[in-house]
Amino acid sequence: FNSDNGETLFDEEGKATDVLNERLGFLHACRDADGK
């Protein structure tokens, strides 16, 4: 976080950016896998 080469997680409207959405998708996929 807050590195020189980082990308923002939220846009100007406070919505998740593609970067954050990709991480969210991975988080939920892993939680589903844990349940299985």
PDB file of all heavy atoms in Angstrom:
ATOM      1  N   PHE A   1       0.808  -1.207   0.000  1.00  0.00           N
ATOM      2  CA  PHE A   1       0.000   0.000   0.000  1.00  0.00           C
ATOM      3  C   PHE A   1       0.849   1.268   0.000  1.00  0.00           C
ATOM      4  O   PHE A   1       1.916   1.319   0.619  1.00  0.00           O
ATOM      5  CB  PHE A   1      -0.940   0.003   1.209  1.00  0.00           C
ATOM      6  CG  PHE A   1      -1.948  -1.102   1.183  1.00  0.00           C
ATOM      7  CD1 PHE A   1      -1.935  -2.107   2.136  1.00  0.00           C
ATOM      8  CD2 PHE A   1      -2.913  -1.161   0.178  1.00  0.00           C
ATOM      9  CE1 PHE A   1      -2.859  -3.140   2.100  1.00  0.00           C
ATOM     10  CE2 PHE A   1      -3.840  -2.187   0.128  1.00  0.00           C
ATOM     11  CZ  PHE A   1      -3.811  -3.180   1.092  1.00  0.00           C
ATOM     12  N   ASN A   2       0.299   2.282  -0.719  1.00  0.00           N
ATOM     13  CA  ASN A   2       0.945   3.598  -0.812  1.00  0.00           C
ATOM     14  C   ASN A   2       2.384   3.516  -1.312  1.00  0.00           C
ATOM     15  O   ASN A   2       3.265   4.252  -0.876  1.00  0.00           O
ATOM     16  CB  ASN A   2       0.906   4.316   0.547  1.00  0.00           C
ATOM     17  CG  ASN A   2      -0.499   4.780   0.889  1.00  0.00           C
ATOM     18  OD1 ASN A   2      -1.279   5.112   0.006  1.00  0.00           O
ATOM     19  ND2 ASN A   2      -0.824   4.789   2.172  1.00  0.00           N
ATOM     20  N   SER A   3       2.590   2.597  -2.272  1.00  0.00           N
ATOM     21  CA  SER A   3       3.905   2.507  -2.909  1.00  0.00           C
ATOM     22  C   SER A   3       3.947   3.469  -4.100  1.00  0.00           C
ATOM     23  O   SER A   3       2.922   3.983  -4.550  1.00  0.00           O
ATOM     24  CB  SER A   3       4.179   1.082  -3.384  1.00  0.00           C
ATOM     25  OG  SER A   3       3.263   0.723  -4.405  1.00  0.00           O
ATOM     26  N   ASP A   4       5.127   3.689  -4.638  1.00  0.00           N
ATOM     27  CA  ASP A   4       5.286   4.631  -5.747  1.00  0.00           C
ATOM     28  C   ASP A   4       4.580   4.156  -7.013  1.00  0.00           C
ATOM     29  O   ASP A   4       4.167   4.964  -7.843  1.00  0.00           O
ATOM     30  CB  ASP A   4       6.778   4.838  -6.045  1.00  0.00           C
ATOM     31  CG  ASP A   4       7.510   5.533  -4.902  1.00  0.00           C
ATOM     32  OD1 ASP A   4       6.833   6.247  -4.135  1.00  0.00           O
ATOM     33  OD2 ASP A   4       8.732   5.355  -4.791  1.00  0.00           O
ATOM     34  N   ASN A   5       4.443   2.849  -7.163  1.00  0.00           N
ATOM     35  CA  ASN A   5       3.863   2.299  -8.389  1.00  0.00           C
ATOM     36  C   ASN A   5       2.441   1.777  -8.188  1.00  0.00           C
ATOM     37  O   ASN A   5       1.956   0.980  -8.983  1.00  0.00           O
ATOM     38  CB  ASN A   5       4.743   1.156  -8.918  1.00  0.00           C
ATOM     39  CG  ASN A   5       6.144   1.612  -9.242  1.00  0.00           C
ATOM     40  OD1 ASN A   5       6.322   2.673  -9.837  1.00  0.00           O
ATOM     41  ND2 ASN A   5       7.139   0.835  -8.851  1.00  0.00           N
ATOM     42  N   GLY A   6       1.773   2.219  -7.125  1.00  0.00           N
ATOM     43  CA  GLY A   6       0.455   1.693  -6.811  1.00  0.00           C
ATOM     44  C   GLY A   6      -0.665   2.318  -7.624  1.00  0.00           C
ATOM     45  O   GLY A   6      -0.512   3.376  -8.245  1.00  0.00           O
ATOM     46  N   GLU A   7      -1.828   1.640  -7.614  1.00  0.00           N
ATOM     47  CA  GLU A   7      -3.037   2.126  -8.265  1.00  0.00           C
ATOM     48  C   GLU A   7      -4.123   2.285  -7.210  1.00  0.00           C
ATOM     49  O   GLU A   7      -4.167   1.542  -6.230  1.00  0.00           O
ATOM     50  CB  GLU A   7      -3.498   1.147  -9.345  1.00  0.00           C
ATOM     51  CG  GLU A   7      -2.485   0.941 -10.462  1.00  0.00           C
ATOM     52  CD  GLU A   7      -3.002  -0.017 -11.510  1.00  0.00           C
ATOM     53  OE1 GLU A   7      -3.910   0.369 -12.278  1.00  0.00           O
ATOM     54  OE2 GLU A   7      -2.509  -1.156 -11.558  1.00  0.00           O
ATOM     55  N   THR A   8      -5.003   3.243  -7.420  1.00  0.00           N
ATOM     56  CA  THR A   8      -6.051   3.505  -6.438  1.00  0.00           C
ATOM     57  C   THR A   8      -7.073   2.367  -6.420  1.00  0.00           C
ATOM     58  O   THR A   8      -7.297   1.681  -7.418  1.00  0.00           O
ATOM     59  CB  THR A   8      -6.782   4.825  -6.744  1.00  0.00           C
ATOM     60  OG1 THR A   8      -7.309   4.774  -8.078  1.00  0.00           O
ATOM     61  CG2 THR A   8      -5.834   5.996  -6.597  1.00  0.00           C
ATOM     62  N   LEU A   9      -7.695   2.177  -5.257  1.00  0.00           N
ATOM     63  CA  LEU A   9      -8.712   1.143  -5.091  1.00  0.00           C
ATOM     64  C   LEU A   9     -10.122   1.681  -5.306  1.00  0.00           C
ATOM     65  O   LEU A   9     -11.050   0.905  -5.531  1.00  0.00           O
ATOM     66  CB  LEU A   9      -8.600   0.533  -3.691  1.00  0.00           C
ATOM     67  CG  LEU A   9      -7.276  -0.175  -3.378  1.00  0.00           C
ATOM     68  CD1 LEU A   9      -7.241  -0.634  -1.928  1.00  0.00           C
ATOM     69  CD2 LEU A   9      -7.067  -1.367  -4.311  1.00  0.00           C
ATOM     70  N   PHE A  10     -10.273   3.002  -5.211  1.00  0.00           N
ATOM     71  CA  PHE A  10     -11.584   3.630  -5.406  1.00  0.00           C
ATOM     72  C   PHE A  10     -11.451   4.776  -6.402  1.00  0.00           C
ATOM     73  O   PHE A  10     -10.429   5.478  -6.425  1.00  0.00           O
ATOM     74  CB  PHE A  10     -12.122   4.168  -4.080  1.00  0.00           C
ATOM     75  CG  PHE A  10     -12.341   3.101  -3.036  1.00  0.00           C
ATOM     76  CD1 PHE A  10     -11.397   2.882  -2.041  1.00  0.00           C
ATOM     77  CD2 PHE A  10     -13.486   2.318  -3.046  1.00  0.00           C
ATOM     78  CE1 PHE A  10     -11.583   1.903  -1.079  1.00  0.00           C
ATOM     79  CE2 PHE A  10     -13.684   1.340  -2.089  1.00  0.00           C
ATOM     80  CZ  PHE A  10     -12.736   1.123  -1.110  1.00  0.00           C
ATOM     81  N   ASP A  11     -12.505   4.975  -7.212  1.00  0.00           N
ATOM     82  CA  ASP A  11     -12.487   6.098  -8.153  1.00  0.00           C
ATOM     83  C   ASP A  11     -13.011   7.360  -7.477  1.00  0.00           C
ATOM     84  O   ASP A  11     -13.289   7.364  -6.259  1.00  0.00           O
ATOM     85  CB  ASP A  11     -13.281   5.758  -9.415  1.00  0.00           C
ATOM     86  CG  ASP A  11     -14.767   5.497  -9.142  1.00  0.00           C
ATOM     87  OD1 ASP A  11     -15.278   5.937  -8.081  1.00  0.00           O
ATOM     88  OD2 ASP A  11     -15.425   4.871  -9.992  1.00  0.00           O
ATOM     89  N   GLU A  12     -13.171   8.417  -8.237  1.00  0.00           N
ATOM     90  CA  GLU A  12     -13.579   9.703  -7.673  1.00  0.00           C
ATOM     91  C   GLU A  12     -14.986   9.674  -7.093  1.00  0.00           C
ATOM     92  O   GLU A  12     -15.331  10.497  -6.248  1.00  0.00           O
ATOM     93  CB  GLU A  12     -13.484  10.789  -8.756  1.00  0.00           C
ATOM     94  CG  GLU A  12     -12.043  11.064  -9.216  1.00  0.00           C
ATOM     95  CD  GLU A  12     -11.980  12.130 -10.285  1.00  0.00           C
ATOM     96  OE1 GLU A  12     -13.055  12.568 -10.746  1.00  0.00           O
ATOM     97  OE2 GLU A  12     -10.852  12.521 -10.668  1.00  0.00           O
ATOM     98  N   GLU A  13     -15.797   8.717  -7.527  1.00  0.00           N
ATOM     99  CA  GLU A  13     -17.160   8.588  -7.005  1.00  0.00           C
ATOM    100  C   GLU A  13     -17.238   7.617  -5.830  1.00  0.00           C
ATOM    101  O   GLU A  13     -18.320   7.346  -5.319  1.00  0.00           O
ATOM    102  CB  GLU A  13     -18.101   8.131  -8.125  1.00  0.00           C
ATOM    103  CG  GLU A  13     -18.203   9.132  -9.276  1.00  0.00           C
ATOM    104  CD  GLU A  13     -19.132   8.642 -10.363  1.00  0.00           C
ATOM    105  OE1 GLU A  13     -19.576   7.480 -10.274  1.00  0.00           O
ATOM    106  OE2 GLU A  13     -19.418   9.419 -11.296  1.00  0.00           O
ATOM    107  N   GLY A  14     -16.083   7.105  -5.415  1.00  0.00           N
ATOM    108  CA  GLY A  14     -16.060   6.175  -4.293  1.00  0.00           C
ATOM    109  C   GLY A  14     -16.394   4.744  -4.665  1.00  0.00           C
ATOM    110  O   GLY A  14     -16.607   3.903  -3.785  1.00  0.00           O
ATOM    111  N   LYS A  15     -16.430   4.464  -5.964  1.00  0.00           N
ATOM    112  CA  LYS A  15     -16.726   3.108  -6.416  1.00  0.00           C
ATOM    113  C   LYS A  15     -15.420   2.319  -6.587  1.00  0.00           C
ATOM    114  O   LYS A  15     -14.366   2.892  -6.860  1.00  0.00           O
ATOM    115  CB  LYS A  15     -17.493   3.137  -7.736  1.00  0.00           C
ATOM    116  CG  LYS A  15     -18.860   3.806  -7.630  1.00  0.00           C
ATOM    117  CD  LYS A  15     -19.573   3.819  -8.972  1.00  0.00           C
ATOM    118  CE  LYS A  15     -20.944   4.483  -8.861  1.00  0.00           C
ATOM    119  NZ  LYS A  15     -21.644   4.527 -10.189  1.00  0.00           N
ATOM    120  N   ALA A  16     -15.521   1.014  -6.428  1.00  0.00           N
ATOM    121  CA  ALA A  16     -14.344   0.158  -6.553  1.00  0.00           C
ATOM    122  C   ALA A  16     -13.784   0.217  -7.970  1.00  0.00           C
ATOM    123  O   ALA A  16     -14.531   0.182  -8.952  1.00  0.00           O
ATOM    124  CB  ALA A  16     -14.702  -1.278  -6.195  1.00  0.00           C
ATOM    125  N   THR A  17     -12.467   0.344  -8.083  1.00  0.00           N
ATOM    126  CA  THR A  17     -11.804   0.320  -9.378  1.00  0.00           C
ATOM    127  C   THR A  17     -11.648  -1.127  -9.841  1.00  0.00           C
ATOM    128  O   THR A  17     -11.922  -2.078  -9.098  1.00  0.00           O
ATOM    129  CB  THR A  17     -10.419   0.977  -9.297  1.00  0.00           C
ATOM    130  OG1 THR A  17      -9.618   0.234  -8.354  1.00  0.00           O
ATOM    131  CG2 THR A  17     -10.532   2.430  -8.831  1.00  0.00           C
ATOM    132  N   ASP A  18     -11.187  -1.293 -11.075  1.00  0.00           N
ATOM    133  CA  ASP A  18     -10.969  -2.644 -11.598  1.00  0.00           C
ATOM    134  C   ASP A  18      -9.959  -3.403 -10.742  1.00  0.00           C
ATOM    135  O   ASP A  18     -10.077  -4.625 -10.565  1.00  0.00           O
ATOM    136  CB  ASP A  18     -10.470  -2.579 -13.043  1.00  0.00           C
ATOM    137  CG  ASP A  18     -11.552  -2.115 -14.013  1.00  0.00           C
ATOM    138  OD1 ASP A  18     -12.740  -2.157 -13.635  1.00  0.00           O
ATOM    139  OD2 ASP A  18     -11.192  -1.708 -15.136  1.00  0.00           O
ATOM    140  N   VAL A  19      -8.978  -2.683 -10.218  1.00  0.00           N
ATOM    141  CA  VAL A  19      -7.956  -3.310  -9.369  1.00  0.00           C
ATOM    142  C   VAL A  19      -8.601  -3.935  -8.140  1.00  0.00           C
ATOM    143  O   VAL A  19      -8.329  -5.089  -7.794  1.00  0.00           O
ATOM    144  CB  VAL A  19      -6.886  -2.278  -8.946  1.00  0.00           C
ATOM    145  CG1 VAL A  19      -5.913  -2.887  -7.936  1.00  0.00           C
ATOM    146  CG2 VAL A  19      -6.130  -1.772 -10.160  1.00  0.00           C
ATOM    147  N   LEU A  20      -9.470  -3.175  -7.471  1.00  0.00           N
ATOM    148  CA  LEU A  20     -10.132  -3.682  -6.273  1.00  0.00           C
ATOM    149  C   LEU A  20     -11.136  -4.777  -6.624  1.00  0.00           C
ATOM    150  O   LEU A  20     -11.233  -5.790  -5.915  1.00  0.00           O
ATOM    151  CB  LEU A  20     -10.820  -2.542  -5.526  1.00  0.00           C
ATOM    152  CG  LEU A  20     -11.581  -2.943  -4.252  1.00  0.00           C
ATOM    153  CD1 LEU A  20     -10.681  -3.699  -3.278  1.00  0.00           C
ATOM    154  CD2 LEU A  20     -12.179  -1.707  -3.573  1.00  0.00           C
ATOM    155  N   ASN A  21     -11.876  -4.592  -7.715  1.00  0.00           N
ATOM    156  CA  ASN A  21     -12.868  -5.603  -8.099  1.00  0.00           C
ATOM    157  C   ASN A  21     -12.210  -6.950  -8.385  1.00  0.00           C
ATOM    158  O   ASN A  21     -12.776  -8.008  -8.084  1.00  0.00           O
ATOM    159  CB  ASN A  21     -13.656  -5.130  -9.321  1.00  0.00           C
ATOM    160  CG  ASN A  21     -14.770  -4.164  -8.959  1.00  0.00           C
ATOM    161  OD1 ASN A  21     -15.374  -4.286  -7.887  1.00  0.00           O
ATOM    162  ND2 ASN A  21     -15.046  -3.202  -9.823  1.00  0.00           N
ATOM    163  N   GLU A  22     -11.018  -6.908  -8.958  1.00  0.00           N
ATOM    164  CA  GLU A  22     -10.292  -8.155  -9.213  1.00  0.00           C
ATOM    165  C   GLU A  22      -9.939  -8.853  -7.911  1.00  0.00           C
ATOM    166  O   GLU A  22     -10.095 -10.076  -7.781  1.00  0.00           O
ATOM    167  CB  GLU A  22      -9.016  -7.858 -10.006  1.00  0.00           C
ATOM    168  CG  GLU A  22      -8.208  -9.105 -10.333  1.00  0.00           C
ATOM    169  CD  GLU A  22      -6.955  -8.798 -11.125  1.00  0.00           C
ATOM    170  OE1 GLU A  22      -6.780  -7.640 -11.558  1.00  0.00           O
ATOM    171  OE2 GLU A  22      -6.135  -9.719 -11.312  1.00  0.00           O
ATOM    172  N   ARG A  23      -9.495  -8.076  -6.914  1.00  0.00           N
ATOM    173  CA  ARG A  23      -9.170  -8.664  -5.612  1.00  0.00           C
ATOM    174  C   ARG A  23     -10.420  -9.188  -4.911  1.00  0.00           C
ATOM    175  O   ARG A  23     -10.407 -10.256  -4.296  1.00  0.00           O
ATOM    176  CB  ARG A  23      -8.485  -7.618  -4.730  1.00  0.00           C
ATOM    177  CG  ARG A  23      -7.214  -7.025  -5.291  1.00  0.00           C
ATOM    178  CD  ARG A  23      -6.136  -8.050  -5.517  1.00  0.00           C
ATOM    179  NE  ARG A  23      -5.674  -8.665  -4.289  1.00  0.00           N
ATOM    180  CZ  ARG A  23      -4.577  -9.405  -4.204  1.00  0.00           C
ATOM    181  NH1 ARG A  23      -3.829  -9.629  -5.283  1.00  0.00           N
ATOM    182  NH2 ARG A  23      -4.206  -9.939  -3.061  1.00  0.00           N
ATOM    183  N   LEU A  24     -11.527  -8.440  -5.034  1.00  0.00           N
ATOM    184  CA  LEU A  24     -12.776  -8.872  -4.408  1.00  0.00           C
ATOM    185  C   LEU A  24     -13.259 -10.188  -5.011  1.00  0.00           C
ATOM    186  O   LEU A  24     -13.734 -11.078  -4.295  1.00  0.00           O
ATOM    187  CB  LEU A  24     -13.847  -7.794  -4.570  1.00  0.00           C
ATOM    188  CG  LEU A  24     -13.629  -6.482  -3.809  1.00  0.00           C
ATOM    189  CD1 LEU A  24     -14.712  -5.480  -4.160  1.00  0.00           C
ATOM    190  CD2 LEU A  24     -13.597  -6.729  -2.308  1.00  0.00           C
ATOM    191  N   GLY A  25     -13.131 -10.311  -6.329  1.00  0.00           N
ATOM    192  CA  GLY A  25     -13.523 -11.548  -6.984  1.00  0.00           C
ATOM    193  C   GLY A  25     -12.710 -12.730  -6.482  1.00  0.00           C
ATOM    194  O   GLY A  25     -13.247 -13.822  -6.254  1.00  0.00           O
ATOM    195  N   PHE A  26     -11.410 -12.512  -6.292  1.00  0.00           N
ATOM    196  CA  PHE A  26     -10.528 -13.561  -5.792  1.00  0.00           C
ATOM    197  C   PHE A  26     -10.880 -13.923  -4.351  1.00  0.00           C
ATOM    198  O   PHE A  26     -10.914 -15.106  -3.984  1.00  0.00           O
ATOM    199  CB  PHE A  26      -9.077 -13.088  -5.900  1.00  0.00           C
ATOM    200  CG  PHE A  26      -8.054 -14.149  -5.590  1.00  0.00           C
ATOM    201  CD1 PHE A  26      -8.277 -15.469  -5.917  1.00  0.00           C
ATOM    202  CD2 PHE A  26      -6.861 -13.815  -4.974  1.00  0.00           C
ATOM    203  CE1 PHE A  26      -7.329 -16.451  -5.641  1.00  0.00           C
ATOM    204  CE2 PHE A  26      -5.909 -14.778  -4.689  1.00  0.00           C
ATOM    205  CZ  PHE A  26      -6.143 -16.096  -5.029  1.00  0.00           C
ATOM    206  N   LEU A  27     -11.158 -12.925  -3.531  1.00  0.00           N
ATOM    207  CA  LEU A  27     -11.536 -13.168  -2.140  1.00  0.00           C
ATOM    208  C   LEU A  27     -12.787 -14.038  -2.045  1.00  0.00           C
ATOM    209  O   LEU A  27     -12.833 -15.010  -1.278  1.00  0.00           O
ATOM    210  CB  LEU A  27     -11.778 -11.838  -1.417  1.00  0.00           C
ATOM    211  CG  LEU A  27     -10.561 -11.018  -0.994  1.00  0.00           C
ATOM    212  CD1 LEU A  27     -10.982  -9.615  -0.580  1.00  0.00           C
ATOM    213  CD2 LEU A  27      -9.829 -11.701   0.164  1.00  0.00           C
ATOM    214  N   HIS A  28     -13.808 -13.697  -2.820  1.00  0.00           N
ATOM    215  CA  HIS A  28     -15.057 -14.447  -2.759  1.00  0.00           C
ATOM    216  C   HIS A  28     -14.897 -15.850  -3.355  1.00  0.00           C
ATOM    217  O   HIS A  28     -15.498 -16.811  -2.853  1.00  0.00           O
ATOM    218  CB  HIS A  28     -16.170 -13.678  -3.465  1.00  0.00           C
ATOM    219  CG  HIS A  28     -16.662 -12.481  -2.696  1.00  0.00           C
ATOM    220  ND1 HIS A  28     -17.496 -12.592  -1.606  1.00  0.00           N
ATOM    221  CD2 HIS A  28     -16.403 -11.153  -2.839  1.00  0.00           C
ATOM    222  CE1 HIS A  28     -17.750 -11.385  -1.114  1.00  0.00           C
ATOM    223  NE2 HIS A  28     -17.100 -10.495  -1.839  1.00  0.00           N
ATOM    224  N   ALA A  29     -14.082 -15.976  -4.396  1.00  0.00           N
ATOM    225  CA  ALA A  29     -13.830 -17.292  -4.975  1.00  0.00           C
ATOM    226  C   ALA A  29     -13.124 -18.192  -3.964  1.00  0.00           C
ATOM    227  O   ALA A  29     -13.448 -19.384  -3.847  1.00  0.00           O
ATOM    228  CB  ALA A  29     -12.989 -17.159  -6.248  1.00  0.00           C
ATOM    229  N   CYS A  30     -12.190 -17.614  -3.222  1.00  0.00           N
ATOM    230  CA  CYS A  30     -11.474 -18.396  -2.212  1.00  0.00           C
ATOM    231  C   CYS A  30     -12.383 -18.787  -1.062  1.00  0.00           C
ATOM    232  O   CYS A  30     -12.278 -19.896  -0.519  1.00  0.00           O
ATOM    233  CB  CYS A  30     -10.266 -17.610  -1.695  1.00  0.00           C
ATOM    234  SG  CYS A  30      -8.905 -17.507  -2.882  1.00  0.00           S
ATOM    235  N   ARG A  31     -13.291 -17.905  -0.677  1.00  0.00           N
ATOM    236  CA  ARG A  31     -14.228 -18.254   0.393  1.00  0.00           C
ATOM    237  C   ARG A  31     -15.148 -19.386  -0.058  1.00  0.00           C
ATOM    238  O   ARG A  31     -15.434 -20.311   0.714  1.00  0.00           O
ATOM    239  CB  ARG A  31     -15.057 -17.041   0.817  1.00  0.00           C
ATOM    240  CG  ARG A  31     -15.995 -17.373   1.979  1.00  0.00           C
ATOM    241  CD  ARG A  31     -16.555 -16.150   2.641  1.00  0.00           C
ATOM    242  NE  ARG A  31     -17.456 -15.410   1.782  1.00  0.00           N
ATOM    243  CZ  ARG A  31     -18.115 -14.313   2.166  1.00  0.00           C
ATOM    244  NH1 ARG A  31     -17.942 -13.838   3.402  1.00  0.00           N
ATOM    245  NH2 ARG A  31     -18.912 -13.674   1.333  1.00  0.00           N
ATOM    246  N   ASP A  32     -15.601 -19.349  -1.313  1.00  0.00           N
ATOM    247  CA  ASP A  32     -16.428 -20.432  -1.837  1.00  0.00           C
ATOM    248  C   ASP A  32     -15.641 -21.750  -1.849  1.00  0.00           C
ATOM    249  O   ASP A  32     -16.177 -22.814  -1.517  1.00  0.00           O
ATOM    250  CB  ASP A  32     -16.912 -20.101  -3.248  1.00  0.00           C
ATOM    251  CG  ASP A  32     -17.920 -18.957  -3.266  1.00  0.00           C
ATOM    252  OD1 ASP A  32     -18.474 -18.632  -2.201  1.00  0.00           O
ATOM    253  OD2 ASP A  32     -18.137 -18.379  -4.351  1.00  0.00           O
ATOM    254  N   ALA A  33     -14.365 -21.649  -2.240  1.00  0.00           N
ATOM    255  CA  ALA A  33     -13.511 -22.844  -2.275  1.00  0.00           C
ATOM    256  C   ALA A  33     -13.304 -23.403  -0.874  1.00  0.00           C
ATOM    257  O   ALA A  33     -13.259 -24.627  -0.676  1.00  0.00           O
ATOM    258  CB  ALA A  33     -12.178 -22.512  -2.924  1.00  0.00           C
ATOM    259  N   ASP A  34     -13.188 -22.524   0.107  1.00  0.00           N
ATOM    260  CA  ASP A  34     -13.027 -22.971   1.494  1.00  0.00           C
ATOM    261  C   ASP A  34     -14.266 -23.729   1.970  1.00  0.00           C
ATOM    262  O   ASP A  34     -14.166 -24.725   2.693  1.00  0.00           O
ATOM    263  CB  ASP A  34     -12.761 -21.779   2.412  1.00  0.00           C
ATOM    264  CG  ASP A  34     -11.368 -21.203   2.240  1.00  0.00           C
ATOM    265  OD1 ASP A  34     -10.500 -21.890   1.667  1.00  0.00           O
ATOM    266  OD2 ASP A  34     -11.139 -20.057   2.676  1.00  0.00           O
ATOM    267  N   GLY A  35     -15.452 -23.247   1.577  1.00  0.00           N
ATOM    268  CA  GLY A  35     -16.689 -23.930   1.949  1.00  0.00           C
ATOM    269  C   GLY A  35     -16.775 -25.316   1.331  1.00  0.00           C
ATOM    270  O   GLY A  35     -17.174 -26.282   1.998  1.00  0.00           O
ATOM    271  N   LYS A  36     -16.378 -25.420   0.075  1.00  0.00           N
ATOM    272  CA  LYS A  36     -16.358 -26.711  -0.609  1.00  0.00           C
ATOM    273  C   LYS A  36     -15.363 -27.661   0.059  1.00  0.00           C
ATOM    274  O   LYS A  36     -15.635 -28.849   0.235  1.00  0.00           O
ATOM    275  CB  LYS A  36     -15.987 -26.494  -2.078  1.00  0.00           C
ATOM    276  CG  LYS A  36     -15.882 -27.756  -2.902  1.00  0.00           C
ATOM    277  CD  LYS A  36     -15.481 -27.424  -4.337  1.00  0.00           C
ATOM    278  CE  LYS A  36     -15.298 -28.680  -5.165  1.00  0.00           C
ATOM    279  NZ  LYS A  36     -14.867 -28.359  -6.565  1.00  0.00           N
TER     280      LYS A  36
END
